[in-house]
Amino acid sequence: MFTDFYEAYYWLYSHPLFQEEIKSKLFNDTYNESRFQECLDIDIVKVNPETMSIDDDKNKNIKVQIWIECGKFDKECRWHDINLDCGADTFEEGIIELANLVMEWYGEGKERIKKADWEEINMIKNCPEDGNIRCINCICYLCNNNDCQECDIDNCEPREIIYKMRGE
């Protein structure tokens, strides 16, 4: 479990989940480059300290929080893994929390080691733009609809989990 910000940050920075494999034409070789910072979505919000969520009554939102969303690096799609959503009082605490969540869900590699109950949280739905079935594990930038998702269900990693749960 991570408790040190520096250690947590650089562990995330070098984690395989956030690496892009680069092919060098000059040396006919490949190397990895971190895309961790590109995978972060950080919001600074004020929340109701009693509920730790944003209240409709703005006067109750007096506590500042750092909210972090994150997902694996992919050139084609910006991923948002809801199991990595976290928040804290400071950026440093948020990064530590994120590192612990990545360790819990992915360990040292790119593949999930912990499975979510995809069916229970309704991980697939129809896109309102084209009617195609999408996985809600990534954010859709095709139709700019927050209720739609970009990834093709036939090429989606969670698809196998969904089908196994259904016995297909």
Protein backbone atom coordinates (compact mmCIF):
# COMPACT_ATOMS: atom_id res chain seq x y z
CA MET A 1 0.00 0.00 0.00
CA PHE A 2 1.34 3.41 -0.99
CA THR A 3 1.71 6.18 1.59
CA ASP A 4 4.45 8.29 -0.02
CA PHE A 5 3.43 10.72 -2.81
CA TYR A 6 6.76 10.59 -4.69
CA GLU A 7 6.81 6.79 -4.70
CA ALA A 8 3.14 6.57 -5.75
CA TYR A 9 3.50 9.12 -8.54
CA TYR A 10 6.55 7.53 -10.14
CA TRP A 11 5.06 4.04 -9.77
CA LEU A 12 2.02 5.26 -11.72
CA TYR A 13 4.26 7.09 -14.20
CA SER A 14 6.08 3.86 -15.05
CA HIS A 15 3.08 1.50 -14.79
CA PRO A 16 2.43 -0.57 -17.97
CA LEU A 17 -1.20 0.63 -18.01
CA PHE A 18 -0.02 4.11 -18.98
CA GLN A 19 2.79 3.24 -21.42
CA GLU A 20 2.85 3.69 -25.16
CA GLU A 21 5.09 1.44 -27.20
CA ILE A 22 7.04 3.58 -29.67
CA LYS A 23 8.68 2.02 -32.72
CA SER A 24 11.92 3.71 -33.66
CA LYS A 25 12.48 3.75 -37.42
CA LEU A 26 16.03 4.99 -36.99
CA PHE A 27 17.22 2.16 -34.74
CA ASN A 28 14.66 -0.51 -35.77
CA ASP A 29 13.74 -0.94 -32.13
CA THR A 30 10.88 -0.23 -29.72
CA TYR A 31 10.74 1.60 -26.40
CA ASN A 32 8.02 2.66 -23.96
CA GLU A 33 7.01 6.22 -23.21
CA SER A 34 4.81 7.15 -20.26
CA ARG A 35 1.43 8.70 -21.07
CA PHE A 36 0.31 8.79 -17.44
CA GLN A 37 -0.32 12.53 -17.37
CA GLU A 38 -2.47 12.29 -20.50
CA CYS A 39 -4.60 9.62 -18.80
CA LEU A 40 -5.49 11.85 -15.83
CA ASP A 41 -8.64 13.93 -15.58
CA ILE A 42 -8.45 16.19 -12.53
CA ASP A 43 -11.25 18.36 -11.16
CA ILE A 44 -11.05 20.80 -8.27
CA VAL A 45 -14.48 20.91 -6.63
CA LYS A 46 -16.22 22.19 -3.53
CA VAL A 47 -18.31 19.60 -1.71
CA ASN A 48 -20.62 19.41 1.25
CA PRO A 49 -18.32 18.12 4.04
CA GLU A 50 -21.18 16.11 5.54
CA THR A 51 -21.85 14.11 2.37
CA MET A 52 -18.52 14.58 0.53
CA SER A 53 -20.49 15.22 -2.65
CA ILE A 54 -21.59 18.33 -4.49
CA ASP A 55 -24.81 19.60 -2.96
CA ASP A 56 -27.56 21.37 -4.90
CA ASP A 57 -27.44 24.02 -2.18
CA LYS A 58 -24.19 25.76 -3.17
CA ASN A 59 -23.88 27.31 0.32
CA LYS A 60 -23.22 23.82 1.74
CA ASN A 61 -20.30 23.19 -0.64
CA ILE A 62 -17.46 24.57 1.47
CA LYS A 63 -14.83 21.81 1.45
CA VAL A 64 -12.34 21.75 -1.44
CA GLN A 65 -11.61 18.33 -2.93
CA ILE A 66 -9.39 17.06 -5.74
CA TRP A 67 -11.28 14.50 -7.84
CA ILE A 68 -9.29 12.23 -10.13
CA GLU A 69 -10.53 10.05 -12.97
CA CYS A 70 -8.17 7.84 -14.91
CA GLY A 71 -7.95 4.96 -17.35
CA LYS A 72 -5.47 3.07 -19.46
CA PHE A 73 -3.62 4.76 -22.31
CA ASP A 74 -5.02 4.11 -25.77
CA LYS A 75 -4.20 6.13 -28.91
CA GLU A 76 -7.72 5.63 -30.27
CA CYS A 77 -9.88 6.30 -27.23
CA ARG A 78 -9.74 8.10 -23.90
CA TRP A 79 -10.54 5.51 -21.23
CA HIS A 80 -12.31 6.19 -17.97
CA ASP A 81 -12.14 3.26 -15.58
CA ILE A 82 -14.78 4.04 -12.96
CA ASN A 83 -13.05 1.72 -10.50
CA LEU A 84 -10.11 4.15 -10.43
CA ASP A 85 -12.23 7.22 -9.55
CA CYS A 86 -10.96 8.81 -6.37
CA GLY A 87 -10.84 12.05 -4.45
CA ALA A 88 -8.88 13.62 -1.64
CA ASP A 89 -8.17 16.88 0.14
CA THR A 90 -4.89 17.38 -1.75
CA PHE A 91 -3.42 16.39 -5.11
CA GLU A 92 -0.74 14.40 -3.30
CA GLU A 93 -3.32 12.38 -1.32
CA GLY A 94 -5.32 11.82 -4.52
CA ILE A 95 -2.30 10.40 -6.38
CA ILE A 96 -1.56 8.08 -3.44
CA GLU A 97 -5.19 6.91 -3.50
CA LEU A 98 -5.05 6.41 -7.28
CA ALA A 99 -1.84 4.35 -7.01
CA ASN A 100 -3.48 2.12 -4.42
CA LEU A 101 -6.53 1.65 -6.66
CA VAL A 102 -4.37 0.80 -9.70
CA MET A 103 -2.47 -1.72 -7.56
CA GLU A 104 -5.76 -3.22 -6.34
CA TRP A 105 -7.37 -3.50 -9.80
CA TYR A 106 -4.36 -4.05 -12.09
CA GLY A 107 -1.37 -5.00 -9.95
CA GLU A 108 1.89 -4.57 -11.83
CA GLY A 109 0.45 -5.19 -15.32
CA LYS A 110 -2.05 -4.03 -17.95
CA GLU A 111 -4.68 -6.71 -17.34
CA ARG A 112 -7.22 -6.51 -14.54
CA ILE A 113 -6.52 -8.78 -11.62
CA LYS A 114 -9.75 -7.82 -9.87
CA LYS A 115 -13.05 -8.12 -11.71
CA ALA A 116 -16.02 -5.80 -11.25
CA ASP A 117 -19.55 -7.09 -11.50
CA TRP A 118 -20.02 -5.66 -15.01
CA GLU A 119 -23.65 -6.85 -15.33
CA GLU A 120 -24.70 -5.36 -12.03
CA ILE A 121 -23.41 -1.91 -12.91
CA ASN A 122 -24.83 -2.13 -16.45
CA MET A 123 -21.60 -1.85 -18.41
CA ILE A 124 -23.16 -2.00 -21.87
CA LYS A 125 -25.86 0.07 -23.55
CA ASN A 126 -26.99 1.36 -26.93
CA CYS A 127 -25.47 4.52 -28.36
CA PRO A 128 -28.22 7.15 -28.86
CA GLU A 129 -26.50 8.34 -32.07
CA ASP A 130 -26.09 5.11 -34.04
CA GLY A 131 -27.90 2.46 -31.96
CA ASN A 132 -24.78 0.28 -31.68
CA ILE A 133 -24.04 -1.50 -28.43
CA ARG A 134 -21.17 0.18 -26.59
CA CYS A 135 -19.22 -0.55 -23.45
CA ILE A 136 -19.38 2.21 -20.84
CA ASN A 137 -15.76 1.63 -19.83
CA CYS A 138 -14.51 4.45 -22.06
CA ILE A 139 -15.61 7.97 -22.88
CA CYS A 140 -17.19 8.66 -26.27
CA TYR A 141 -15.85 11.50 -28.35
CA LEU A 142 -17.56 10.36 -31.55
CA CYS A 143 -20.97 11.81 -30.82
CA ASN A 144 -20.00 13.99 -27.80
CA ASN A 145 -22.74 12.41 -25.75
CA ASN A 146 -21.82 11.55 -22.16
CA ASP A 147 -24.30 8.67 -22.23
CA CYS A 148 -22.60 7.09 -25.24
CA GLN A 149 -19.32 5.24 -25.35
CA GLU A 150 -16.79 4.96 -28.13
CA CYS A 151 -15.40 1.46 -27.91
CA ASP A 152 -16.72 -1.27 -30.17
CA ILE A 153 -18.24 -4.05 -28.02
CA ASP A 154 -16.70 -6.69 -30.29
CA ASN A 155 -13.20 -5.41 -29.52
CA CYS A 156 -13.74 -4.46 -25.89
CA GLU A 157 -11.89 -6.14 -23.01
CA PRO A 158 -14.89 -6.14 -20.61
CA ARG A 159 -16.97 -7.89 -23.32
CA GLU A 160 -15.43 -11.24 -22.40
CA ILE A 161 -16.32 -10.73 -18.76
CA ILE A 162 -19.91 -9.77 -19.65
CA TYR A 163 -20.33 -12.82 -21.88
CA LYS A 164 -18.84 -15.15 -19.25
CA MET A 165 -21.22 -13.77 -16.62
CA ARG A 166 -24.16 -14.42 -18.94
CA GLY A 167 -22.87 -17.93 -19.71
CA GLU A 168 -22.35 -17.14 -23.42
